[in-house]
Amino acid sequence: MYFYQRGLMQYFPIFVDLVNKPVLVIGGGEVASRKVAMLCEAQADVLVVSPTLSDELAVKLASGEIRYQQAEYQASDILGMWQVWATTNNSELNQRIHQDATAANVLCNVVDSPEHCDFITPSIIDRGLLQVAISSGGAAPVLVRFLRELLETQLAANLPLIAQFSQQSRPYIKQCFDTVDERRYFWERFFRHPLVVNAQSLVQLQTVFEELLNTDHNPIVPPVVVFYPQDPELLTLKALRLMQQAERVIATKHCPKVISDLCRRDANRSPIENTDEWLAVIEQHPTDRIVILATNDEPCNLSVLPANTQILRCNGESFTL
């Protein structure tokens, strides 16, 4: 059976603020039109250099959304630019544009030529303030499109409303809670609330918001022991959810990376030599939400764990000490 092992990334996933930043697009055809439309949505200061313009780009020029230089490309066009897009159908010209951009230390994307791209654009799911980006690094574009279509059907239509409310409420939450963990715990409870999932107005969201603010916001959460299977796909949904909520992960060096990588990325890691060290780590971090990754292949003494510790086994069995 094949298990994915996370390795080095060719492209670093990042969202870039292009508002009012100078961006050069070489080419005035259909491909350039698609890229320019996206850049205009990002409020970039777009300059198109091309002998001719498509009808779509001509409309944007007339409305003042872009600037236009009716000329053949010159290396000097790149000077002062923040980003460059080569969209011509001339592969030799596109390669030269990339070379010129590299020499000027300007990031360049050559359309349909990944080997000449300093950055690539992912497939986007747009829900207002919320954006989901999917990329295969150019390896499997059809798979990416399939995943985007799948996610489009799963993401709620009211996500823009929830994101807007969250943006408006963040400053107040920072005043209410001193630590990042306290704020994160509040928002996790808020987003999982059944009335939030189905909310259709800001008033409904405000009602839930105030209700949660008036309840205990920092309870002591007992640890969770997840006995992981060899096949990560056999982990239960409950185990995955708790692993994603963990603020601290305890595991021995024998725990496979493919399992530990399923835990929340920014969770603190507490590597241990053996399971006898469980209790010491728990006592050092009494307010953390802790997940312990264990396996039946290693001897462990559950009796050392605090009362109310949750035990999740890979066969779906779940109980509390």
C-alpha atoms as a PDB file:
ATOM      1  CA  MET A   1       0.000   0.000   0.000  1.00  0.00           C
ATOM      2  CA  TYR A   2       1.214   3.502  -0.871  1.00  0.00           C
ATOM      3  CA  PHE A   3       1.607   6.092   1.892  1.00  0.00           C
ATOM      4  CA  TYR A   4       2.257   9.721   1.072  1.00  0.00           C
ATOM      5  CA  GLN A   5       5.317  11.209   2.768  1.00  0.00           C
ATOM      6  CA  ARG A   6       5.506  14.997   2.868  1.00  0.00           C
ATOM      7  CA  GLY A   7       8.753  16.166   1.324  1.00  0.00           C
ATOM      8  CA  LEU A   8      10.246  19.401   0.054  1.00  0.00           C
ATOM      9  CA  MET A   9       7.888  21.883  -1.612  1.00  0.00           C
ATOM     10  CA  GLN A  10       8.658  23.258  -5.055  1.00  0.00           C
ATOM     11  CA  TYR A  11       6.242  26.154  -4.537  1.00  0.00           C
ATOM     12  CA  PHE A  12       5.583  27.934  -1.255  1.00  0.00           C
ATOM     13  CA  PRO A  13       1.838  28.587  -0.794  1.00  0.00           C
ATOM     14  CA  ILE A  14       1.281  32.286  -0.167  1.00  0.00           C
ATOM     15  CA  PHE A  15      -1.336  34.982  -0.734  1.00  0.00           C
ATOM     16  CA  VAL A  16       0.120  38.243  -2.066  1.00  0.00           C
ATOM     17  CA  ASP A  17      -1.188  41.790  -1.632  1.00  0.00           C
ATOM     18  CA  LEU A  18      -1.103  43.357  -5.118  1.00  0.00           C
ATOM     19  CA  VAL A  19      -3.163  46.471  -4.345  1.00  0.00           C
ATOM     20  CA  ASN A  20      -1.665  49.378  -6.334  1.00  0.00           C
ATOM     21  CA  LYS A  21       1.505  47.385  -7.067  1.00  0.00           C
ATOM     22  CA  PRO A  22       2.877  47.713 -10.640  1.00  0.00           C
ATOM     23  CA  VAL A  23       2.370  44.517 -12.617  1.00  0.00           C
ATOM     24  CA  LEU A  24       3.500  44.045 -16.216  1.00  0.00           C
ATOM     25  CA  VAL A  25       1.581  41.818 -18.645  1.00  0.00           C
ATOM     26  CA  ILE A  26       3.262  41.189 -22.004  1.00  0.00           C
ATOM     27  CA  GLY A  27       0.726  40.116 -24.594  1.00  0.00           C
ATOM     28  CA  GLY A  28      -2.740  41.344 -25.505  1.00  0.00           C
ATOM     29  CA  GLY A  29      -4.647  38.221 -26.463  1.00  0.00           C
ATOM     30  CA  GLU A  30      -7.096  35.821 -24.825  1.00  0.00           C
ATOM     31  CA  VAL A  31      -4.603  34.457 -22.302  1.00  0.00           C
ATOM     32  CA  ALA A  32      -3.589  37.969 -21.276  1.00  0.00           C
ATOM     33  CA  SER A  33      -7.270  38.872 -20.884  1.00  0.00           C
ATOM     34  CA  ARG A  34      -7.816  36.085 -18.355  1.00  0.00           C
ATOM     35  CA  LYS A  35      -4.741  37.056 -16.330  1.00  0.00           C
ATOM     36  CA  VAL A  36      -5.546  40.764 -16.434  1.00  0.00           C
ATOM     37  CA  ALA A  37      -9.108  40.109 -15.237  1.00  0.00           C
ATOM     38  CA  MET A  38      -7.719  38.320 -12.199  1.00  0.00           C
ATOM     39  CA  LEU A  39      -5.107  41.037 -11.553  1.00  0.00           C
ATOM     40  CA  CYS A  40      -7.750  43.753 -11.754  1.00  0.00           C
ATOM     41  CA  GLU A  41      -9.817  41.928  -9.137  1.00  0.00           C
ATOM     42  CA  ALA A  42      -6.693  42.046  -6.940  1.00  0.00           C
ATOM     43  CA  GLN A  43      -6.540  45.841  -7.575  1.00  0.00           C
ATOM     44  CA  ALA A  44      -3.066  45.693  -9.126  1.00  0.00           C
ATOM     45  CA  ASP A  45      -1.698  48.576 -11.211  1.00  0.00           C
ATOM     46  CA  VAL A  46      -1.622  46.679 -14.509  1.00  0.00           C
ATOM     47  CA  LEU A  47       0.412  47.745 -17.544  1.00  0.00           C
ATOM     48  CA  VAL A  48      -0.202  45.755 -20.736  1.00  0.00           C
ATOM     49  CA  VAL A  49       2.535  45.858 -23.373  1.00  0.00           C
ATOM     50  CA  SER A  50       1.490  44.526 -26.776  1.00  0.00           C
ATOM     51  CA  PRO A  51       1.113  45.695 -30.388  1.00  0.00           C
ATOM     52  CA  THR A  52      -2.602  44.830 -30.215  1.00  0.00           C
ATOM     53  CA  LEU A  53      -5.340  44.424 -27.599  1.00  0.00           C
ATOM     54  CA  SER A  54      -8.224  41.967 -27.380  1.00  0.00           C
ATOM     55  CA  ASP A  55     -11.738  43.399 -27.231  1.00  0.00           C
ATOM     56  CA  GLU A  56     -11.959  42.516 -23.543  1.00  0.00           C
ATOM     57  CA  LEU A  57      -8.728  44.359 -22.730  1.00  0.00           C
ATOM     58  CA  ALA A  58      -9.840  47.321 -24.830  1.00  0.00           C
ATOM     59  CA  VAL A  59     -12.931  47.615 -22.635  1.00  0.00           C
ATOM     60  CA  LYS A  60     -10.764  47.613 -19.498  1.00  0.00           C
ATOM     61  CA  LEU A  61      -8.518  50.269 -21.017  1.00  0.00           C
ATOM     62  CA  ALA A  62     -11.516  52.449 -21.842  1.00  0.00           C
ATOM     63  CA  SER A  63     -12.805  52.123 -18.274  1.00  0.00           C
ATOM     64  CA  GLY A  64      -9.424  53.053 -16.810  1.00  0.00           C
ATOM     65  CA  GLU A  65      -8.814  49.674 -15.183  1.00  0.00           C
ATOM     66  CA  ILE A  66      -5.459  49.136 -16.939  1.00  0.00           C
ATOM     67  CA  ARG A  67      -2.669  51.085 -18.629  1.00  0.00           C
ATOM     68  CA  TYR A  68      -1.558  50.221 -22.157  1.00  0.00           C
ATOM     69  CA  GLN A  69       1.681  50.574 -24.068  1.00  0.00           C
ATOM     70  CA  GLN A  70       1.187  49.806 -27.772  1.00  0.00           C
ATOM     71  CA  ALA A  71       4.643  48.479 -28.614  1.00  0.00           C
ATOM     72  CA  GLU A  72       6.824  45.421 -28.850  1.00  0.00           C
ATOM     73  CA  TYR A  73       8.317  44.247 -25.566  1.00  0.00           C
ATOM     74  CA  GLN A  74      11.611  45.799 -24.442  1.00  0.00           C
ATOM     75  CA  ALA A  75      13.712  44.677 -21.473  1.00  0.00           C
ATOM     76  CA  SER A  76      13.381  48.171 -20.007  1.00  0.00           C
ATOM     77  CA  ASP A  77       9.627  47.591 -19.577  1.00  0.00           C
ATOM     78  CA  ILE A  78      10.398  45.405 -16.567  1.00  0.00           C
ATOM     79  CA  LEU A  79      12.175  48.130 -14.591  1.00  0.00           C
ATOM     80  CA  GLY A  80      10.188  49.152 -11.517  1.00  0.00           C
ATOM     81  CA  MET A  81       7.729  46.292 -11.865  1.00  0.00           C
ATOM     82  CA  TRP A  82       6.699  44.129  -8.927  1.00  0.00           C
ATOM     83  CA  GLN A  83       5.572  41.173 -11.017  1.00  0.00           C
ATOM     84  CA  VAL A  84       5.712  40.108 -14.681  1.00  0.00           C
ATOM     85  CA  TRP A  85       3.412  37.883 -16.750  1.00  0.00           C
ATOM     86  CA  ALA A  86       4.529  36.604 -20.152  1.00  0.00           C
ATOM     87  CA  THR A  87       1.420  35.593 -22.103  1.00  0.00           C
ATOM     88  CA  THR A  88       2.531  35.722 -25.739  1.00  0.00           C
ATOM     89  CA  ASN A  89       2.381  32.751 -28.137  1.00  0.00           C
ATOM     90  CA  ASN A  90       6.095  33.195 -28.916  1.00  0.00           C
ATOM     91  CA  SER A  91       8.035  30.741 -26.739  1.00  0.00           C
ATOM     92  CA  GLU A  92      11.412  32.335 -27.506  1.00  0.00           C
ATOM     93  CA  LEU A  93      10.108  35.773 -26.504  1.00  0.00           C
ATOM     94  CA  ASN A  94       8.556  34.372 -23.331  1.00  0.00           C
ATOM     95  CA  GLN A  95      11.876  32.794 -22.355  1.00  0.00           C
ATOM     96  CA  ARG A  96      13.675  36.083 -22.958  1.00  0.00           C
ATOM     97  CA  ILE A  97      11.140  37.895 -20.798  1.00  0.00           C
ATOM     98  CA  HIS A  98      11.826  35.410 -18.004  1.00  0.00           C
ATOM     99  CA  GLN A  99      15.582  35.908 -18.363  1.00  0.00           C
ATOM    100  CA  ASP A 100      15.187  39.687 -18.234  1.00  0.00           C
ATOM    101  CA  ALA A 101      12.923  39.461 -15.173  1.00  0.00           C
ATOM    102  CA  THR A 102      15.388  37.159 -13.412  1.00  0.00           C
ATOM    103  CA  ALA A 103      18.233  39.578 -14.112  1.00  0.00           C
ATOM    104  CA  ALA A 104      16.109  42.406 -12.657  1.00  0.00           C
ATOM    105  CA  ASN A 105      15.084  40.313  -9.594  1.00  0.00           C
ATOM    106  CA  VAL A 106      11.414  40.515 -10.558  1.00  0.00           C
ATOM    107  CA  LEU A 107       9.125  37.505 -10.190  1.00  0.00           C
ATOM    108  CA  CYS A 108       7.905  36.180 -13.532  1.00  0.00           C
ATOM    109  CA  ASN A 109       5.202  33.787 -14.695  1.00  0.00           C
ATOM    110  CA  VAL A 110       5.406  32.373 -18.206  1.00  0.00           C
ATOM    111  CA  VAL A 111       2.003  30.938 -19.053  1.00  0.00           C
ATOM    112  CA  ASP A 112       1.990  27.210 -19.835  1.00  0.00           C
ATOM    113  CA  SER A 113       5.731  26.925 -19.142  1.00  0.00           C
ATOM    114  CA  PRO A 114       6.235  25.825 -15.509  1.00  0.00           C
ATOM    115  CA  GLU A 115      10.010  25.603 -15.934  1.00  0.00           C
ATOM    116  CA  HIS A 116      10.041  29.370 -16.540  1.00  0.00           C
ATOM    117  CA  CYS A 117       7.759  30.284 -13.646  1.00  0.00           C
ATOM    118  CA  ASP A 118       8.965  31.820 -10.400  1.00  0.00           C
ATOM    119  CA  PHE A 119       5.405  31.507  -9.139  1.00  0.00           C
ATOM    120  CA  ILE A 120       2.198  29.834 -10.250  1.00  0.00           C
ATOM    121  CA  THR A 121      -1.467  30.634  -9.655  1.00  0.00           C
ATOM    122  CA  PRO A 122      -3.612  27.990  -7.980  1.00  0.00           C
ATOM    123  CA  SER A 123      -7.192  27.052  -8.699  1.00  0.00           C
ATOM    124  CA  ILE A 124      -9.405  29.331  -6.590  1.00  0.00           C
ATOM    125  CA  ILE A 125     -12.670  28.860  -4.732  1.00  0.00           C
ATOM    126  CA  ASP A 126     -13.953  32.361  -3.994  1.00  0.00           C
ATOM    127  CA  ARG A 127     -16.290  32.947  -1.059  1.00  0.00           C
ATOM    128  CA  GLY A 128     -15.832  36.676  -0.548  1.00  0.00           C
ATOM    129  CA  LEU A 129     -13.272  37.248   2.194  1.00  0.00           C
ATOM    130  CA  LEU A 130     -12.687  33.499   2.259  1.00  0.00           C
ATOM    131  CA  GLN A 131     -10.552  32.060  -0.531  1.00  0.00           C
ATOM    132  CA  VAL A 132      -9.463  28.455  -0.942  1.00  0.00           C
ATOM    133  CA  ALA A 133      -6.485  27.766  -3.215  1.00  0.00           C
ATOM    134  CA  ILE A 134      -5.613  24.342  -4.657  1.00  0.00           C
ATOM    135  CA  SER A 135      -2.490  23.498  -6.610  1.00  0.00           C
ATOM    136  CA  SER A 136      -0.593  20.457  -7.822  1.00  0.00           C
ATOM    137  CA  GLY A 137       2.401  22.518  -8.929  1.00  0.00           C
ATOM    138  CA  GLY A 138       1.345  21.902 -12.507  1.00  0.00           C
ATOM    139  CA  ALA A 139       1.563  18.122 -12.116  1.00  0.00           C
ATOM    140  CA  ALA A 140      -2.155  17.280 -12.308  1.00  0.00           C
ATOM    141  CA  PRO A 141      -4.365  20.203 -13.419  1.00  0.00           C
ATOM    142  CA  VAL A 142      -7.392  17.986 -14.131  1.00  0.00           C
ATOM    143  CA  LEU A 143      -7.187  16.527 -10.616  1.00  0.00           C
ATOM    144  CA  VAL A 144      -7.048  20.055  -9.199  1.00  0.00           C
ATOM    145  CA  ARG A 145     -10.154  21.017 -11.166  1.00  0.00           C
ATOM    146  CA  PHE A 146     -11.931  17.902  -9.898  1.00  0.00           C
ATOM    147  CA  LEU A 147     -11.058  18.759  -6.293  1.00  0.00           C
ATOM    148  CA  ARG A 148     -12.190  22.342  -6.740  1.00  0.00           C
ATOM    149  CA  GLU A 149     -15.551  21.198  -8.101  1.00  0.00           C
ATOM    150  CA  LEU A 150     -15.872  18.748  -5.208  1.00  0.00           C
ATOM    151  CA  LEU A 151     -15.107  21.412  -2.599  1.00  0.00           C
ATOM    152  CA  GLU A 152     -17.470  23.884  -4.255  1.00  0.00           C
ATOM    153  CA  THR A 153     -20.342  21.522  -3.421  1.00  0.00           C
ATOM    154  CA  GLN A 154     -19.209  21.101   0.199  1.00  0.00           C
ATOM    155  CA  LEU A 155     -18.604  24.723   1.216  1.00  0.00           C
ATOM    156  CA  ALA A 156     -21.641  26.508   2.638  1.00  0.00           C
ATOM    157  CA  ALA A 157     -23.157  29.406   0.735  1.00  0.00           C
ATOM    158  CA  ASN A 158     -23.167  31.583   3.890  1.00  0.00           C
ATOM    159  CA  LEU A 159     -19.369  31.501   4.335  1.00  0.00           C
ATOM    160  CA  PRO A 160     -18.960  35.095   3.071  1.00  0.00           C
ATOM    161  CA  LEU A 161     -21.400  36.216   5.783  1.00  0.00           C
ATOM    162  CA  ILE A 162     -19.533  34.286   8.495  1.00  0.00           C
ATOM    163  CA  ALA A 163     -16.162  35.607   7.308  1.00  0.00           C
ATOM    164  CA  GLN A 164     -17.488  39.181   7.316  1.00  0.00           C
ATOM    165  CA  PHE A 165     -18.788  38.807  10.885  1.00  0.00           C
ATOM    166  CA  SER A 166     -15.498  37.284  12.005  1.00  0.00           C
ATOM    167  CA  GLN A 167     -13.532  40.172  10.505  1.00  0.00           C
ATOM    168  CA  GLN A 168     -15.736  42.733  12.251  1.00  0.00           C
ATOM    169  CA  SER A 169     -15.567  40.938  15.610  1.00  0.00           C
ATOM    170  CA  ARG A 170     -11.847  40.154  15.835  1.00  0.00           C
ATOM    171  CA  PRO A 171     -10.827  43.449  17.507  1.00  0.00           C
ATOM    172  CA  TYR A 172     -13.450  42.919  20.237  1.00  0.00           C
ATOM    173  CA  ILE A 173     -12.336  39.322  20.828  1.00  0.00           C
ATOM    174  CA  LYS A 174      -8.752  40.521  21.244  1.00  0.00           C
ATOM    175  CA  GLN A 175      -9.991  42.784  24.041  1.00  0.00           C
ATOM    176  CA  CYS A 176     -11.913  39.920  25.686  1.00  0.00           C
ATOM    177  CA  PHE A 177      -9.191  37.264  25.642  1.00  0.00           C
ATOM    178  CA  ASP A 178      -5.530  37.764  26.514  1.00  0.00           C
ATOM    179  CA  THR A 179      -3.954  34.769  24.789  1.00  0.00           C
ATOM    180  CA  VAL A 180      -3.989  33.383  21.268  1.00  0.00           C
ATOM    181  CA  ASP A 181      -5.126  29.987  22.573  1.00  0.00           C
ATOM    182  CA  GLU A 182      -8.133  31.511  24.344  1.00  0.00           C
ATOM    183  CA  ARG A 183      -9.159  33.388  21.207  1.00  0.00           C
ATOM    184  CA  ARG A 184      -8.680  30.300  19.043  1.00  0.00           C
ATOM    185  CA  TYR A 185     -10.794  28.194  21.393  1.00  0.00           C
ATOM    186  CA  PHE A 186     -13.610  30.766  21.287  1.00  0.00           C
ATOM    187  CA  TRP A 187     -13.643  30.927  17.488  1.00  0.00           C
ATOM    188  CA  GLU A 188     -13.575  27.134  17.167  1.00  0.00           C
ATOM    189  CA  ARG A 189     -16.664  26.891  19.376  1.00  0.00           C
ATOM    190  CA  PHE A 190     -18.314  29.692  17.414  1.00  0.00           C
ATOM    191  CA  PHE A 191     -17.710  28.205  13.954  1.00  0.00           C
ATOM    192  CA  ARG A 192     -18.902  24.757  15.087  1.00  0.00           C
ATOM    193  CA  HIS A 193     -22.133  26.077  16.587  1.00  0.00           C
ATOM    194  CA  PRO A 194     -25.139  24.634  14.657  1.00  0.00           C
ATOM    195  CA  LEU A 195     -26.826  28.047  14.431  1.00  0.00           C
ATOM    196  CA  VAL A 196     -23.703  29.536  12.826  1.00  0.00           C
ATOM    197  CA  VAL A 197     -23.576  26.848  10.157  1.00  0.00           C
ATOM    198  CA  ASN A 198     -27.099  27.749   9.059  1.00  0.00           C
ATOM    199  CA  ALA A 199     -27.090  31.493   9.805  1.00  0.00           C
ATOM    200  CA  GLN A 200     -28.575  33.792   7.191  1.00  0.00           C
ATOM    201  CA  SER A 201     -27.968  37.171   8.855  1.00  0.00           C
ATOM    202  CA  LEU A 202     -25.443  39.076  10.953  1.00  0.00           C
ATOM    203  CA  VAL A 203     -28.096  39.337  13.698  1.00  0.00           C
ATOM    204  CA  GLN A 204     -28.218  35.550  14.045  1.00  0.00           C
ATOM    205  CA  LEU A 205     -24.440  35.391  14.250  1.00  0.00           C
ATOM    206  CA  GLN A 206     -24.362  38.154  16.870  1.00  0.00           C
ATOM    207  CA  THR A 207     -26.811  36.192  19.037  1.00  0.00           C
ATOM    208  CA  VAL A 208     -24.543  33.122  19.089  1.00  0.00           C
ATOM    209  CA  PHE A 209     -21.502  35.337  19.595  1.00  0.00           C
ATOM    210  CA  GLU A 210     -22.921  36.940  22.739  1.00  0.00           C
ATOM    211  CA  GLU A 211     -24.147  33.607  24.080  1.00  0.00           C
ATOM    212  CA  LEU A 212     -20.678  32.056  23.846  1.00  0.00           C
ATOM    213  CA  LEU A 213     -19.020  35.107  25.389  1.00  0.00           C
ATOM    214  CA  ASN A 214     -21.163  34.604  28.488  1.00  0.00           C
ATOM    215  CA  THR A 215     -20.122  30.975  28.986  1.00  0.00           C
ATOM    216  CA  ASP A 216     -16.911  29.479  30.382  1.00  0.00           C
ATOM    217  CA  HIS A 217     -14.308  30.247  27.712  1.00  0.00           C
ATOM    218  CA  ASN A 218     -11.286  28.392  29.042  1.00  0.00           C
ATOM    219  CA  PRO A 219     -12.272  25.074  30.600  1.00  0.00           C
ATOM    220  CA  ILE A 220      -9.663  22.448  31.413  1.00  0.00           C
ATOM    221  CA  VAL A 221      -9.872  19.937  28.581  1.00  0.00           C
ATOM    222  CA  PRO A 222      -8.743  16.380  29.417  1.00  0.00           C
ATOM    223  CA  PRO A 223      -6.057  14.788  27.224  1.00  0.00           C
ATOM    224  CA  VAL A 224      -6.908  12.524  24.320  1.00  0.00           C
ATOM    225  CA  VAL A 225      -5.007   9.346  23.449  1.00  0.00           C
ATOM    226  CA  VAL A 226      -5.299   8.370  19.788  1.00  0.00           C
ATOM    227  CA  PHE A 227      -4.162   4.830  19.015  1.00  0.00           C
ATOM    228  CA  TYR A 228      -3.284   5.328  15.381  1.00  0.00           C
ATOM    229  CA  PRO A 229      -3.494   2.613  12.682  1.00  0.00           C
ATOM    230  CA  GLN A 230      -0.725   1.874  10.221  1.00  0.00           C
ATOM    231  CA  ASP A 231      -2.970   3.129   7.430  1.00  0.00           C
ATOM    232  CA  PRO A 232      -3.814   6.823   8.108  1.00  0.00           C
ATOM    233  CA  GLU A 233      -7.038   6.490   6.102  1.00  0.00           C
ATOM    234  CA  LEU A 234      -8.380   4.275   8.891  1.00  0.00           C
ATOM    235  CA  LEU A 235      -8.291   7.119  11.422  1.00  0.00           C
ATOM    236  CA  THR A 236     -11.802   8.004  12.567  1.00  0.00           C
ATOM    237  CA  LEU A 237     -13.340  11.407  11.851  1.00  0.00           C
ATOM    238  CA  LYS A 238     -13.432  12.078  15.590  1.00  0.00           C
ATOM    239  CA  ALA A 239      -9.714  11.326  15.932  1.00  0.00           C
ATOM    240  CA  LEU A 240      -8.861  13.630  13.011  1.00  0.00           C
ATOM    241  CA  ARG A 241     -11.000  16.432  14.449  1.00  0.00           C
ATOM    242  CA  LEU A 242      -9.312  16.206  17.862  1.00  0.00           C
ATOM    243  CA  MET A 243      -5.859  16.012  16.254  1.00  0.00           C
ATOM    244  CA  GLN A 244      -6.665  19.220  14.350  1.00  0.00           C
ATOM    245  CA  GLN A 245      -7.778  20.936  17.574  1.00  0.00           C
ATOM    246  CA  ALA A 246      -4.727  19.946  19.604  1.00  0.00           C
ATOM    247  CA  GLU A 247      -2.501  22.660  21.040  1.00  0.00           C
ATOM    248  CA  ARG A 248       0.156  20.108  21.991  1.00  0.00           C
ATOM    249  CA  VAL A 249       1.013  16.731  20.451  1.00  0.00           C
ATOM    250  CA  ILE A 250       2.883  14.064  22.400  1.00  0.00           C
ATOM    251  CA  ALA A 251       4.475  11.241  20.404  1.00  0.00           C
ATOM    252  CA  THR A 252       7.520   9.002  20.436  1.00  0.00           C
ATOM    253  CA  LYS A 253      10.099   9.011  17.663  1.00  0.00           C
ATOM    254  CA  HIS A 254       8.460   5.843  16.327  1.00  0.00           C
ATOM    255  CA  CYS A 255       5.284   7.685  15.319  1.00  0.00           C
ATOM    256  CA  PRO A 256       5.148   7.863  11.489  1.00  0.00           C
ATOM    257  CA  LYS A 257       5.399  11.358  10.053  1.00  0.00           C
ATOM    258  CA  VAL A 258       2.372  10.645   7.868  1.00  0.00           C
ATOM    259  CA  ILE A 259       0.347  10.373  11.100  1.00  0.00           C
ATOM    260  CA  SER A 260       1.829  13.297  13.041  1.00  0.00           C
ATOM    261  CA  ASP A 261       1.466  15.557   9.991  1.00  0.00           C
ATOM    262  CA  LEU A 262      -2.309  15.171  10.269  1.00  0.00           C
ATOM    263  CA  CYS A 263      -2.228  17.116  13.551  1.00  0.00           C
ATOM    264  CA  ARG A 264      -2.596  20.877  13.541  1.00  0.00           C
ATOM    265  CA  ARG A 265       0.478  22.424  11.941  1.00  0.00           C
ATOM    266  CA  ASP A 266       1.050  25.067  14.608  1.00  0.00           C
ATOM    267  CA  ALA A 267       0.526  22.716  17.563  1.00  0.00           C
ATOM    268  CA  ASN A 268       3.462  22.422  19.948  1.00  0.00           C
ATOM    269  CA  ARG A 269       5.304  19.111  19.674  1.00  0.00           C
ATOM    270  CA  SER A 270       6.557  17.245  22.756  1.00  0.00           C
ATOM    271  CA  PRO A 271       8.723  14.328  21.596  1.00  0.00           C
ATOM    272  CA  ILE A 272       9.230  11.626  24.193  1.00  0.00           C
ATOM    273  CA  GLU A 273      11.367   8.497  24.423  1.00  0.00           C
ATOM    274  CA  ASN A 274       8.648   6.256  25.859  1.00  0.00           C
ATOM    275  CA  THR A 275       5.102   6.366  27.147  1.00  0.00           C
ATOM    276  CA  ASP A 276       6.221   6.668  30.799  1.00  0.00           C
ATOM    277  CA  GLU A 277       6.814  10.360  30.079  1.00  0.00           C
ATOM    278  CA  TRP A 278       3.175  11.094  29.208  1.00  0.00           C
ATOM    279  CA  LEU A 279       2.131  12.329  32.646  1.00  0.00           C
ATOM    280  CA  ALA A 280       5.153  14.606  33.110  1.00  0.00           C
ATOM    281  CA  VAL A 281       4.357  16.494  29.874  1.00  0.00           C
ATOM    282  CA  ILE A 282       0.669  16.749  30.762  1.00  0.00           C
ATOM    283  CA  GLU A 283       1.473  18.196  34.191  1.00  0.00           C
ATOM    284  CA  GLN A 284       3.844  20.747  32.643  1.00  0.00           C
ATOM    285  CA  HIS A 285       1.074  22.015  30.337  1.00  0.00           C
ATOM    286  CA  PRO A 286      -2.184  21.661  32.298  1.00  0.00           C
ATOM    287  CA  THR A 287      -4.232  24.105  30.193  1.00  0.00           C
ATOM    288  CA  ASP A 288      -3.193  22.818  26.752  1.00  0.00           C
ATOM    289  CA  ARG A 289      -5.502  20.661  24.684  1.00  0.00           C
ATOM    290  CA  ILE A 290      -3.260  17.616  24.392  1.00  0.00           C
ATOM    291  CA  VAL A 291      -3.356  14.733  21.947  1.00  0.00           C
ATOM    292  CA  ILE A 292      -1.152  11.710  22.602  1.00  0.00           C
ATOM    293  CA  LEU A 293      -0.335   9.570  19.576  1.00  0.00           C
ATOM    294  CA  ALA A 294       0.084   5.961  20.584  1.00  0.00           C
ATOM    295  CA  THR A 295       0.239   2.545  18.979  1.00  0.00           C
ATOM    296  CA  ASN A 296      -0.606  -0.949  20.132  1.00  0.00           C
ATOM    297  CA  ASP A 297       2.918  -1.953  19.123  1.00  0.00           C
ATOM    298  CA  GLU A 298       4.360  -0.020  22.085  1.00  0.00           C
ATOM    299  CA  PRO A 299       3.641  -0.929  25.728  1.00  0.00           C
ATOM    300  CA  CYS A 300       1.755   1.822  27.542  1.00  0.00           C
ATOM    301  CA  ASN A 301       0.267   2.239  30.996  1.00  0.00           C
ATOM    302  CA  LEU A 302      -3.025   4.090  30.704  1.00  0.00           C
ATOM    303  CA  SER A 303      -3.420   4.148  34.488  1.00  0.00           C
ATOM    304  CA  VAL A 304      -0.860   7.001  34.769  1.00  0.00           C
ATOM    305  CA  LEU A 305      -3.152   9.323  32.821  1.00  0.00           C
ATOM    306  CA  PRO A 306      -5.540  11.805  34.487  1.00  0.00           C
ATOM    307  CA  ALA A 307      -9.200  10.996  35.029  1.00  0.00           C
ATOM    308  CA  ASN A 308     -11.521  11.792  32.100  1.00  0.00           C
ATOM    309  CA  THR A 309      -8.777  11.158  29.524  1.00  0.00           C
ATOM    310  CA  GLN A 310     -10.403  10.131  26.254  1.00  0.00           C
ATOM    311  CA  ILE A 311      -9.121   6.965  24.579  1.00  0.00           C
ATOM    312  CA  LEU A 312      -9.724   6.498  20.856  1.00  0.00           C
ATOM    313  CA  ARG A 313      -8.726   3.238  19.216  1.00  0.00           C
ATOM    314  CA  CYS A 314      -8.306   2.732  15.486  1.00  0.00           C
ATOM    315  CA  ASN A 315     -11.187   0.226  15.380  1.00  0.00           C
ATOM    316  CA  GLY A 316     -13.591   3.005  16.347  1.00  0.00           C
ATOM    317  CA  GLU A 317     -13.754   2.053  20.031  1.00  0.00           C
ATOM    318  CA  SER A 318     -13.911   5.089  22.318  1.00  0.00           C
ATOM    319  CA  PHE A 319     -14.023   5.356  26.120  1.00  0.00           C
ATOM    320  CA  THR A 320     -13.104   7.683  28.990  1.00  0.00           C
ATOM    321  CA  LEU A 321     -10.838   6.797  31.908  1.00  0.00           C
END
